[in-house]
């Protein structure tokens, strides 16, 4: 009941089957909020989605690194989408803090217009865990779980259901949400918690489109860290073998599959879908 409490909305339940949208060539005139957008998969998502929205769309990019966000905003402004009128804003902040959530909410509301047809939130931000002290555990869960829940609630509160408005929430998940990995207790727990949050959301808000997408073993800085610093020797060996055999997935390849899911819009709301399922 978390979202009902946070949103305080009086909503009418509509059968989700009636809300599915037919596959189309674009995502409409969209307001896209992408967290963890400064690098890796989040950066790739921002660039790919910019190709799939109509003129008049707006992006709000969120991460902690201002310099990388500035670079991405400049790239998007100079792209075909930027020249066609895509508005790009960024918020450099820590989503684990209340003031960070407030900054993002304000930026999103300022970027919105009455012409927006689709609100799309991609919850991608995350950080590697440490768990030697209680404060570190609390900080990790605040950033990776609590902030996701609260930001989602704030966005849905700011954009309640109305005729003609699509609302889509994407949770960037992981195989770790389903399978335990030795020495990755916090990462697995955080991803599992996020998946369940969005399963509940899909049940409570049948008008929404909710997707947990596991992007596969991405070739990113986090994977490099996993290969070199994972506490379990067997897990480190497995990751290094994947790297040596060329089995890691590029951000571009995985993002193409996510985009395909969003464009076709035929997934079951609340589902966990893996890169290898598509």
C-alpha atoms as a PDB file:
ATOM      1  CA  UNK A   1       0.000   0.000   0.000  1.00  0.00           C
ATOM      2  CA  UNK A   2       3.097   2.229  -0.070  1.00  0.00           C
ATOM      3  CA  UNK A   3       2.167   4.136  -3.188  1.00  0.00           C
ATOM      4  CA  UNK A   4      -1.439   4.741  -2.158  1.00  0.00           C
ATOM      5  CA  UNK A   5      -0.147   6.351   1.002  1.00  0.00           C
ATOM      6  CA  UNK A   6       2.541   8.419  -0.706  1.00  0.00           C
ATOM      7  CA  UNK A   7       0.401   9.595  -3.570  1.00  0.00           C
ATOM      8  CA  UNK A   8      -2.834  10.173  -1.663  1.00  0.00           C
ATOM      9  CA  UNK A   9      -4.674   9.832  -4.958  1.00  0.00           C
ATOM     10  CA  UNK A  10      -8.292   8.955  -5.513  1.00  0.00           C
ATOM     11  CA  UNK A  11      -7.923   6.791  -8.564  1.00  0.00           C
ATOM     12  CA  UNK A  12     -10.267   4.614 -10.543  1.00  0.00           C
ATOM     13  CA  UNK A  13      -9.003   1.148 -11.373  1.00  0.00           C
ATOM     14  CA  UNK A  14      -9.053   0.385 -15.051  1.00  0.00           C
ATOM     15  CA  UNK A  15      -8.318  -3.026 -16.495  1.00  0.00           C
ATOM     16  CA  UNK A  16      -4.706  -2.982 -17.643  1.00  0.00           C
ATOM     17  CA  UNK A  17      -5.504  -4.974 -20.758  1.00  0.00           C
ATOM     18  CA  UNK A  18      -7.469  -1.997 -22.011  1.00  0.00           C
ATOM     19  CA  UNK A  19      -4.519   0.304 -21.413  1.00  0.00           C
ATOM     20  CA  UNK A  20      -1.979  -1.469 -23.597  1.00  0.00           C
ATOM     21  CA  UNK A  21      -0.843   0.670 -26.488  1.00  0.00           C
ATOM     22  CA  UNK A  22      -0.241  -0.618 -29.951  1.00  0.00           C
ATOM     23  CA  UNK A  23       3.315  -0.752 -31.254  1.00  0.00           C
ATOM     24  CA  UNK A  24       4.243   2.585 -32.789  1.00  0.00           C
ATOM     25  CA  UNK A  25       7.162   4.250 -34.475  1.00  0.00           C
ATOM     26  CA  UNK A  26       7.897   6.599 -31.571  1.00  0.00           C
ATOM     27  CA  UNK A  27       7.268   7.218 -27.879  1.00  0.00           C
ATOM     28  CA  UNK A  28       5.183  10.316 -28.502  1.00  0.00           C
ATOM     29  CA  UNK A  29       5.825  13.823 -27.228  1.00  0.00           C
ATOM     30  CA  UNK A  30       7.517  12.631 -24.086  1.00  0.00           C
ATOM     31  CA  UNK A  31       8.833  13.919 -20.804  1.00  0.00           C
ATOM     32  CA  UNK A  32      11.684  11.520 -20.008  1.00  0.00           C
ATOM     33  CA  UNK A  33      13.372  11.443 -16.606  1.00  0.00           C
ATOM     34  CA  UNK A  34      16.519   9.314 -16.585  1.00  0.00           C
ATOM     35  CA  UNK A  35      18.553   8.759 -13.428  1.00  0.00           C
ATOM     36  CA  UNK A  36      22.156   7.655 -13.521  1.00  0.00           C
ATOM     37  CA  UNK A  37      22.342   9.351 -16.913  1.00  0.00           C
ATOM     38  CA  UNK A  38      25.936  10.586 -16.829  1.00  0.00           C
ATOM     39  CA  UNK A  39      27.641   7.382 -17.931  1.00  0.00           C
ATOM     40  CA  UNK A  40      27.247   3.732 -18.872  1.00  0.00           C
ATOM     41  CA  UNK A  41      23.788   2.362 -19.513  1.00  0.00           C
ATOM     42  CA  UNK A  42      21.929   5.491 -18.390  1.00  0.00           C
ATOM     43  CA  UNK A  43      23.848   7.646 -20.858  1.00  0.00           C
ATOM     44  CA  UNK A  44      23.109   5.199 -23.658  1.00  0.00           C
ATOM     45  CA  UNK A  45      19.408   5.151 -22.752  1.00  0.00           C
ATOM     46  CA  UNK A  46      19.251   8.948 -22.943  1.00  0.00           C
ATOM     47  CA  UNK A  47      20.844   9.019 -26.395  1.00  0.00           C
ATOM     48  CA  UNK A  48      18.701   6.181 -27.732  1.00  0.00           C
ATOM     49  CA  UNK A  49      15.396   7.536 -26.406  1.00  0.00           C
ATOM     50  CA  UNK A  50      16.166  10.930 -27.916  1.00  0.00           C
ATOM     51  CA  UNK A  51      15.837   9.219 -31.302  1.00  0.00           C
ATOM     52  CA  UNK A  52      12.401   7.852 -30.414  1.00  0.00           C
ATOM     53  CA  UNK A  53      10.482  10.893 -29.193  1.00  0.00           C
ATOM     54  CA  UNK A  54       8.538  13.533 -31.074  1.00  0.00           C
ATOM     55  CA  UNK A  55       9.601  17.190 -31.388  1.00  0.00           C
ATOM     56  CA  UNK A  56       8.521  19.137 -28.333  1.00  0.00           C
ATOM     57  CA  UNK A  57       9.718  16.436 -25.954  1.00  0.00           C
ATOM     58  CA  UNK A  58      11.772  17.192 -22.846  1.00  0.00           C
ATOM     59  CA  UNK A  59      14.492  15.258 -21.025  1.00  0.00           C
ATOM     60  CA  UNK A  60      15.552  15.629 -17.404  1.00  0.00           C
ATOM     61  CA  UNK A  61      18.904  13.917 -16.851  1.00  0.00           C
ATOM     62  CA  UNK A  62      19.943  13.096 -13.296  1.00  0.00           C
ATOM     63  CA  UNK A  63      23.292  12.018 -11.862  1.00  0.00           C
ATOM     64  CA  UNK A  64      25.926  13.123  -9.380  1.00  0.00           C
ATOM     65  CA  UNK A  65      28.547  14.217 -11.929  1.00  0.00           C
ATOM     66  CA  UNK A  66      27.735  17.686 -13.249  1.00  0.00           C
ATOM     67  CA  UNK A  67      30.542  17.768 -15.821  1.00  0.00           C
ATOM     68  CA  UNK A  68      29.403  14.519 -17.451  1.00  0.00           C
ATOM     69  CA  UNK A  69      25.790  15.687 -17.474  1.00  0.00           C
ATOM     70  CA  UNK A  70      26.830  18.937 -19.127  1.00  0.00           C
ATOM     71  CA  UNK A  71      28.664  16.989 -21.833  1.00  0.00           C
ATOM     72  CA  UNK A  72      25.659  14.771 -22.475  1.00  0.00           C
ATOM     73  CA  UNK A  73      23.289  17.727 -22.623  1.00  0.00           C
ATOM     74  CA  UNK A  74      25.538  19.395 -25.191  1.00  0.00           C
ATOM     75  CA  UNK A  75      25.632  16.225 -27.306  1.00  0.00           C
ATOM     76  CA  UNK A  76      21.852  15.929 -27.269  1.00  0.00           C
ATOM     77  CA  UNK A  77      21.420  19.626 -28.059  1.00  0.00           C
ATOM     78  CA  UNK A  78      23.603  19.213 -31.149  1.00  0.00           C
ATOM     79  CA  UNK A  79      21.826  16.035 -32.288  1.00  0.00           C
ATOM     80  CA  UNK A  80      18.962  15.856 -34.780  1.00  0.00           C
ATOM     81  CA  UNK A  81      16.537  15.620 -31.858  1.00  0.00           C
ATOM     82  CA  UNK A  82      18.024  18.739 -30.299  1.00  0.00           C
ATOM     83  CA  UNK A  83      17.771  20.660 -33.527  1.00  0.00           C
ATOM     84  CA  UNK A  84      14.147  19.487 -33.804  1.00  0.00           C
ATOM     85  CA  UNK A  85      13.329  21.082 -30.461  1.00  0.00           C
ATOM     86  CA  UNK A  86      14.171  18.522 -27.766  1.00  0.00           C
ATOM     87  CA  UNK A  87      14.565  20.387 -24.469  1.00  0.00           C
ATOM     88  CA  UNK A  88      17.275  18.924 -22.241  1.00  0.00           C
ATOM     89  CA  UNK A  89      17.778  19.796 -18.592  1.00  0.00           C
ATOM     90  CA  UNK A  90      20.032  18.171 -16.048  1.00  0.00           C
ATOM     91  CA  UNK A  91      20.138  17.926 -12.275  1.00  0.00           C
ATOM     92  CA  UNK A  92      23.454  17.104 -10.608  1.00  0.00           C
ATOM     93  CA  UNK A  93      22.469  15.799  -7.197  1.00  0.00           C
ATOM     94  CA  UNK A  94      22.468  12.888  -4.772  1.00  0.00           C
ATOM     95  CA  UNK A  95      19.125  11.102  -4.927  1.00  0.00           C
ATOM     96  CA  UNK A  96      19.824   9.557  -1.548  1.00  0.00           C
ATOM     97  CA  UNK A  97      19.077  12.934   0.032  1.00  0.00           C
ATOM     98  CA  UNK A  98      15.674  14.571   0.367  1.00  0.00           C
ATOM     99  CA  UNK A  99      16.956  17.781  -1.199  1.00  0.00           C
ATOM    100  CA  UNK A 100      18.090  15.777  -4.218  1.00  0.00           C
ATOM    101  CA  UNK A 101      14.593  14.423  -4.743  1.00  0.00           C
ATOM    102  CA  UNK A 102      13.177  17.930  -4.358  1.00  0.00           C
ATOM    103  CA  UNK A 103      15.565  19.313  -6.989  1.00  0.00           C
ATOM    104  CA  UNK A 104      14.601  16.634  -9.486  1.00  0.00           C
ATOM    105  CA  UNK A 105      10.878  17.055  -8.858  1.00  0.00           C
ATOM    106  CA  UNK A 106      11.165  20.813  -9.398  1.00  0.00           C
ATOM    107  CA  UNK A 107      13.130  20.385 -12.633  1.00  0.00           C
ATOM    108  CA  UNK A 108      10.620  17.873 -13.977  1.00  0.00           C
ATOM    109  CA  UNK A 109       7.675  20.152 -13.233  1.00  0.00           C
ATOM    110  CA  UNK A 110       9.442  23.069 -14.921  1.00  0.00           C
ATOM    111  CA  UNK A 111      10.186  20.960 -18.007  1.00  0.00           C
ATOM    112  CA  UNK A 112       6.608  19.751 -18.385  1.00  0.00           C
ATOM    113  CA  UNK A 113       4.066  21.278 -20.728  1.00  0.00           C
ATOM    114  CA  UNK A 114       0.408  20.680 -21.517  1.00  0.00           C
ATOM    115  CA  UNK A 115       1.473  19.139 -24.835  1.00  0.00           C
ATOM    116  CA  UNK A 116       3.248  16.201 -23.186  1.00  0.00           C
ATOM    117  CA  UNK A 117       1.656  12.877 -24.167  1.00  0.00           C
ATOM    118  CA  UNK A 118       3.929  10.459 -22.335  1.00  0.00           C
ATOM    119  CA  UNK A 119       5.734  10.618 -18.998  1.00  0.00           C
ATOM    120  CA  UNK A 120       8.589   8.098 -18.917  1.00  0.00           C
ATOM    121  CA  UNK A 121      10.715   7.575 -15.801  1.00  0.00           C
ATOM    122  CA  UNK A 122      13.797   5.353 -16.071  1.00  0.00           C
ATOM    123  CA  UNK A 123      15.119   4.432 -12.627  1.00  0.00           C
ATOM    124  CA  UNK A 124      18.699   3.528 -13.499  1.00  0.00           C
ATOM    125  CA  UNK A 125      20.849   5.182 -10.809  1.00  0.00           C
ATOM    126  CA  UNK A 126      22.774   2.925  -8.477  1.00  0.00           C
ATOM    127  CA  UNK A 127      26.101   2.578  -6.727  1.00  0.00           C
ATOM    128  CA  UNK A 128      28.336  -0.266  -5.594  1.00  0.00           C
ATOM    129  CA  UNK A 129      27.726  -1.414  -2.012  1.00  0.00           C
ATOM    130  CA  UNK A 130      29.940  -1.548   1.039  1.00  0.00           C
ATOM    131  CA  UNK A 131      28.578  -3.086   4.205  1.00  0.00           C
ATOM    132  CA  UNK A 132      31.061  -2.879   7.033  1.00  0.00           C
ATOM    133  CA  UNK A 133      29.168  -0.266   9.027  1.00  0.00           C
ATOM    134  CA  UNK A 134      25.486   0.424   9.716  1.00  0.00           C
ATOM    135  CA  UNK A 135      25.741   3.943   8.281  1.00  0.00           C
ATOM    136  CA  UNK A 136      27.140   2.573   5.013  1.00  0.00           C
ATOM    137  CA  UNK A 137      24.320   0.032   4.736  1.00  0.00           C
ATOM    138  CA  UNK A 138      21.698   2.687   5.407  1.00  0.00           C
ATOM    139  CA  UNK A 139      23.288   5.025   2.857  1.00  0.00           C
ATOM    140  CA  UNK A 140      23.330   2.307   0.217  1.00  0.00           C
ATOM    141  CA  UNK A 141      19.688   1.348   0.756  1.00  0.00           C
ATOM    142  CA  UNK A 142      18.637   4.998   0.850  1.00  0.00           C
ATOM    143  CA  UNK A 143      20.206   5.661  -2.541  1.00  0.00           C
ATOM    144  CA  UNK A 144      19.348   2.388  -4.270  1.00  0.00           C
ATOM    145  CA  UNK A 145      15.905   1.610  -2.825  1.00  0.00           C
ATOM    146  CA  UNK A 146      14.302   4.440  -0.846  1.00  0.00           C
ATOM    147  CA  UNK A 147      15.099   7.147  -3.390  1.00  0.00           C
ATOM    148  CA  UNK A 148      13.669   5.042  -6.222  1.00  0.00           C
ATOM    149  CA  UNK A 149      10.413   4.537  -4.354  1.00  0.00           C
ATOM    150  CA  UNK A 150      10.124   8.205  -3.379  1.00  0.00           C
ATOM    151  CA  UNK A 151      11.082   9.628  -6.774  1.00  0.00           C
ATOM    152  CA  UNK A 152       8.566   7.372  -8.501  1.00  0.00           C
ATOM    153  CA  UNK A 153       5.842   8.457  -6.093  1.00  0.00           C
ATOM    154  CA  UNK A 154       6.701  12.136  -6.597  1.00  0.00           C
ATOM    155  CA  UNK A 155       6.579  11.843 -10.389  1.00  0.00           C
ATOM    156  CA  UNK A 156       3.243  10.034 -10.347  1.00  0.00           C
ATOM    157  CA  UNK A 157       1.844  12.575  -7.928  1.00  0.00           C
ATOM    158  CA  UNK A 158       2.982  15.397 -10.205  1.00  0.00           C
ATOM    159  CA  UNK A 159       1.422  13.702 -13.248  1.00  0.00           C
ATOM    160  CA  UNK A 160      -1.793  11.945 -12.231  1.00  0.00           C
ATOM    161  CA  UNK A 161      -3.753   9.856 -14.669  1.00  0.00           C
ATOM    162  CA  UNK A 162      -5.706  11.833 -17.265  1.00  0.00           C
ATOM    163  CA  UNK A 163      -7.122  11.078 -20.705  1.00  0.00           C
ATOM    164  CA  UNK A 164      -4.456  11.101 -23.392  1.00  0.00           C
ATOM    165  CA  UNK A 165      -1.484  10.744 -21.036  1.00  0.00           C
ATOM    166  CA  UNK A 166       0.670   7.625 -21.035  1.00  0.00           C
ATOM    167  CA  UNK A 167       2.762   6.954 -17.951  1.00  0.00           C
ATOM    168  CA  UNK A 168       5.626   4.451 -18.003  1.00  0.00           C
ATOM    169  CA  UNK A 169       7.962   3.496 -15.176  1.00  0.00           C
ATOM    170  CA  UNK A 170      11.128   1.513 -15.954  1.00  0.00           C
ATOM    171  CA  UNK A 171      13.204  -0.090 -13.232  1.00  0.00           C
ATOM    172  CA  UNK A 172      16.680  -1.108 -14.367  1.00  0.00           C
ATOM    173  CA  UNK A 173      16.937  -4.444 -12.633  1.00  0.00           C
ATOM    174  CA  UNK A 174      19.395  -7.344 -12.647  1.00  0.00           C
ATOM    175  CA  UNK A 175      19.661 -11.111 -12.500  1.00  0.00           C
ATOM    176  CA  UNK A 176      20.697 -10.366  -8.913  1.00  0.00           C
ATOM    177  CA  UNK A 177      17.064  -9.516  -8.154  1.00  0.00           C
ATOM    178  CA  UNK A 178      16.244 -13.193  -8.699  1.00  0.00           C
ATOM    179  CA  UNK A 179      19.443 -15.105  -7.925  1.00  0.00           C
ATOM    180  CA  UNK A 180      21.805 -14.833  -4.944  1.00  0.00           C
ATOM    181  CA  UNK A 181      25.470 -14.073  -5.657  1.00  0.00           C
ATOM    182  CA  UNK A 182      28.074 -14.658  -2.922  1.00  0.00           C
ATOM    183  CA  UNK A 183      29.497 -11.423  -1.452  1.00  0.00           C
ATOM    184  CA  UNK A 184      26.817  -9.318  -3.203  1.00  0.00           C
ATOM    185  CA  UNK A 185      24.294  -9.346  -0.376  1.00  0.00           C
ATOM    186  CA  UNK A 186      23.351  -5.663  -0.517  1.00  0.00           C
ATOM    187  CA  UNK A 187      23.264  -5.470  -4.300  1.00  0.00           C
ATOM    188  CA  UNK A 188      21.029  -8.548  -4.534  1.00  0.00           C
ATOM    189  CA  UNK A 189      18.796  -7.352  -1.707  1.00  0.00           C
ATOM    190  CA  UNK A 190      18.446  -3.884  -3.217  1.00  0.00           C
ATOM    191  CA  UNK A 191      17.590  -5.188  -6.679  1.00  0.00           C
ATOM    192  CA  UNK A 192      15.083  -7.685  -5.263  1.00  0.00           C
ATOM    193  CA  UNK A 193      13.435  -4.954  -3.210  1.00  0.00           C
ATOM    194  CA  UNK A 194      13.135  -2.704  -6.248  1.00  0.00           C
ATOM    195  CA  UNK A 195      11.558  -5.470  -8.314  1.00  0.00           C
ATOM    196  CA  UNK A 196       8.936  -6.077  -5.649  1.00  0.00           C
ATOM    197  CA  UNK A 197       8.233  -2.354  -5.288  1.00  0.00           C
ATOM    198  CA  UNK A 198       7.362  -2.204  -8.965  1.00  0.00           C
ATOM    199  CA  UNK A 199       5.340  -5.402  -8.924  1.00  0.00           C
ATOM    200  CA  UNK A 200       3.203  -3.855  -6.183  1.00  0.00           C
ATOM    201  CA  UNK A 201       2.985  -0.600  -8.135  1.00  0.00           C
ATOM    202  CA  UNK A 202       1.703  -2.460 -11.201  1.00  0.00           C
ATOM    203  CA  UNK A 203      -0.987  -4.116  -9.076  1.00  0.00           C
ATOM    204  CA  UNK A 204      -2.054  -0.867  -7.434  1.00  0.00           C
ATOM    205  CA  UNK A 205      -1.958   1.302 -10.566  1.00  0.00           C
ATOM    206  CA  UNK A 206      -3.283  -0.736 -13.523  1.00  0.00           C
ATOM    207  CA  UNK A 207      -3.320   2.344 -15.747  1.00  0.00           C
ATOM    208  CA  UNK A 208       0.488   2.494 -15.561  1.00  0.00           C
ATOM    209  CA  UNK A 209       2.982   0.616 -17.701  1.00  0.00           C
ATOM    210  CA  UNK A 210       5.612  -0.781 -15.348  1.00  0.00           C
ATOM    211  CA  UNK A 211       8.699  -2.714 -16.443  1.00  0.00           C
ATOM    212  CA  UNK A 212      11.701  -4.163 -14.598  1.00  0.00           C
ATOM    213  CA  UNK A 213      14.380  -4.696 -17.243  1.00  0.00           C
ATOM    214  CA  UNK A 214      17.572  -6.635 -16.493  1.00  0.00           C
ATOM    215  CA  UNK A 215      20.098  -5.407 -19.080  1.00  0.00           C
ATOM    216  CA  UNK A 216      22.481  -8.364 -18.898  1.00  0.00           C
ATOM    217  CA  UNK A 217      26.201  -8.387 -18.018  1.00  0.00           C
ATOM    218  CA  UNK A 218      27.048  -4.942 -19.328  1.00  0.00           C
ATOM    219  CA  UNK A 219      30.566  -3.952 -20.312  1.00  0.00           C
ATOM    220  CA  UNK A 220      30.768  -0.998 -17.921  1.00  0.00           C
ATOM    221  CA  UNK A 221      32.943   0.350 -15.107  1.00  0.00           C
ATOM    222  CA  UNK A 222      30.787  -1.578 -12.630  1.00  0.00           C
ATOM    223  CA  UNK A 223      31.624  -4.835 -14.416  1.00  0.00           C
ATOM    224  CA  UNK A 224      35.301  -3.982 -14.229  1.00  0.00           C
ATOM    225  CA  UNK A 225      34.909  -3.447 -10.506  1.00  0.00           C
ATOM    226  CA  UNK A 226      33.082  -6.775 -10.182  1.00  0.00           C
ATOM    227  CA  UNK A 227      35.908  -8.595 -11.988  1.00  0.00           C
ATOM    228  CA  UNK A 228      38.576  -7.117  -9.767  1.00  0.00           C
ATOM    229  CA  UNK A 229      36.966  -6.512  -6.381  1.00  0.00           C
ATOM    230  CA  UNK A 230      34.165  -9.050  -5.804  1.00  0.00           C
ATOM    231  CA  UNK A 231      34.720 -10.738  -2.451  1.00  0.00           C
ATOM    232  CA  UNK A 232      34.038 -14.218  -3.795  1.00  0.00           C
ATOM    233  CA  UNK A 233      36.922 -15.754  -5.783  1.00  0.00           C
ATOM    234  CA  UNK A 234      34.649 -18.011  -7.829  1.00  0.00           C
ATOM    235  CA  UNK A 235      32.503 -15.060  -8.847  1.00  0.00           C
ATOM    236  CA  UNK A 236      35.574 -13.029  -9.843  1.00  0.00           C
ATOM    237  CA  UNK A 237      36.789 -15.924 -11.962  1.00  0.00           C
ATOM    238  CA  UNK A 238      33.390 -16.242 -13.671  1.00  0.00           C
ATOM    239  CA  UNK A 239      33.258 -12.534 -14.517  1.00  0.00           C
ATOM    240  CA  UNK A 240      36.821 -12.564 -15.841  1.00  0.00           C
ATOM    241  CA  UNK A 241      36.047 -15.565 -18.052  1.00  0.00           C
ATOM    242  CA  UNK A 242      33.023 -13.755 -19.477  1.00  0.00           C
ATOM    243  CA  UNK A 243      35.230 -10.775 -20.269  1.00  0.00           C
ATOM    244  CA  UNK A 244      37.956 -12.899 -21.863  1.00  0.00           C
ATOM    245  CA  UNK A 245      35.455 -14.802 -24.012  1.00  0.00           C
ATOM    246  CA  UNK A 246      33.773 -11.605 -25.224  1.00  0.00           C
ATOM    247  CA  UNK A 247      30.480 -12.495 -23.530  1.00  0.00           C
ATOM    248  CA  UNK A 248      29.793  -9.087 -22.014  1.00  0.00           C
ATOM    249  CA  UNK A 249      26.951  -7.067 -23.503  1.00  0.00           C
ATOM    250  CA  UNK A 250      27.437  -3.562 -24.880  1.00  0.00           C
ATOM    251  CA  UNK A 251      25.203  -0.816 -23.511  1.00  0.00           C
ATOM    252  CA  UNK A 252      24.014  -0.107 -27.050  1.00  0.00           C
ATOM    253  CA  UNK A 253      22.931  -3.692 -27.710  1.00  0.00           C
ATOM    254  CA  UNK A 254      21.045  -3.952 -24.438  1.00  0.00           C
ATOM    255  CA  UNK A 255      19.452  -0.536 -24.838  1.00  0.00           C
ATOM    256  CA  UNK A 256      18.148  -1.555 -28.258  1.00  0.00           C
ATOM    257  CA  UNK A 257      16.248  -4.388 -26.602  1.00  0.00           C
ATOM    258  CA  UNK A 258      14.836  -2.094 -23.927  1.00  0.00           C
ATOM    259  CA  UNK A 259      13.715   0.328 -26.612  1.00  0.00           C
ATOM    260  CA  UNK A 260      12.065  -2.529 -28.494  1.00  0.00           C
ATOM    261  CA  UNK A 261      10.085  -3.439 -25.377  1.00  0.00           C
ATOM    262  CA  UNK A 262       8.975   0.155 -24.870  1.00  0.00           C
ATOM    263  CA  UNK A 263       7.998   0.648 -28.501  1.00  0.00           C
ATOM    264  CA  UNK A 264       6.042  -2.604 -28.793  1.00  0.00           C
ATOM    265  CA  UNK A 265       4.446  -2.010 -25.372  1.00  0.00           C
ATOM    266  CA  UNK A 266       3.131  -5.563 -25.152  1.00  0.00           C
ATOM    267  CA  UNK A 267       4.848  -6.739 -21.953  1.00  0.00           C
ATOM    268  CA  UNK A 268       2.845  -7.568 -18.843  1.00  0.00           C
ATOM    269  CA  UNK A 269       2.938  -4.568 -16.541  1.00  0.00           C
ATOM    270  CA  UNK A 270       5.141  -5.296 -13.535  1.00  0.00           C
ATOM    271  CA  UNK A 271       7.101  -8.009 -15.330  1.00  0.00           C
ATOM    272  CA  UNK A 272      10.817  -8.688 -14.894  1.00  0.00           C
ATOM    273  CA  UNK A 273      12.288  -9.159 -18.357  1.00  0.00           C
ATOM    274  CA  UNK A 274      15.927 -10.090 -18.945  1.00  0.00           C
ATOM    275  CA  UNK A 275      18.124  -9.156 -21.907  1.00  0.00           C
ATOM    276  CA  UNK A 276      18.319 -12.853 -22.776  1.00  0.00           C
ATOM    277  CA  UNK A 277      14.518 -13.247 -22.751  1.00  0.00           C
ATOM    278  CA  UNK A 278      14.105 -11.053 -25.828  1.00  0.00           C
END
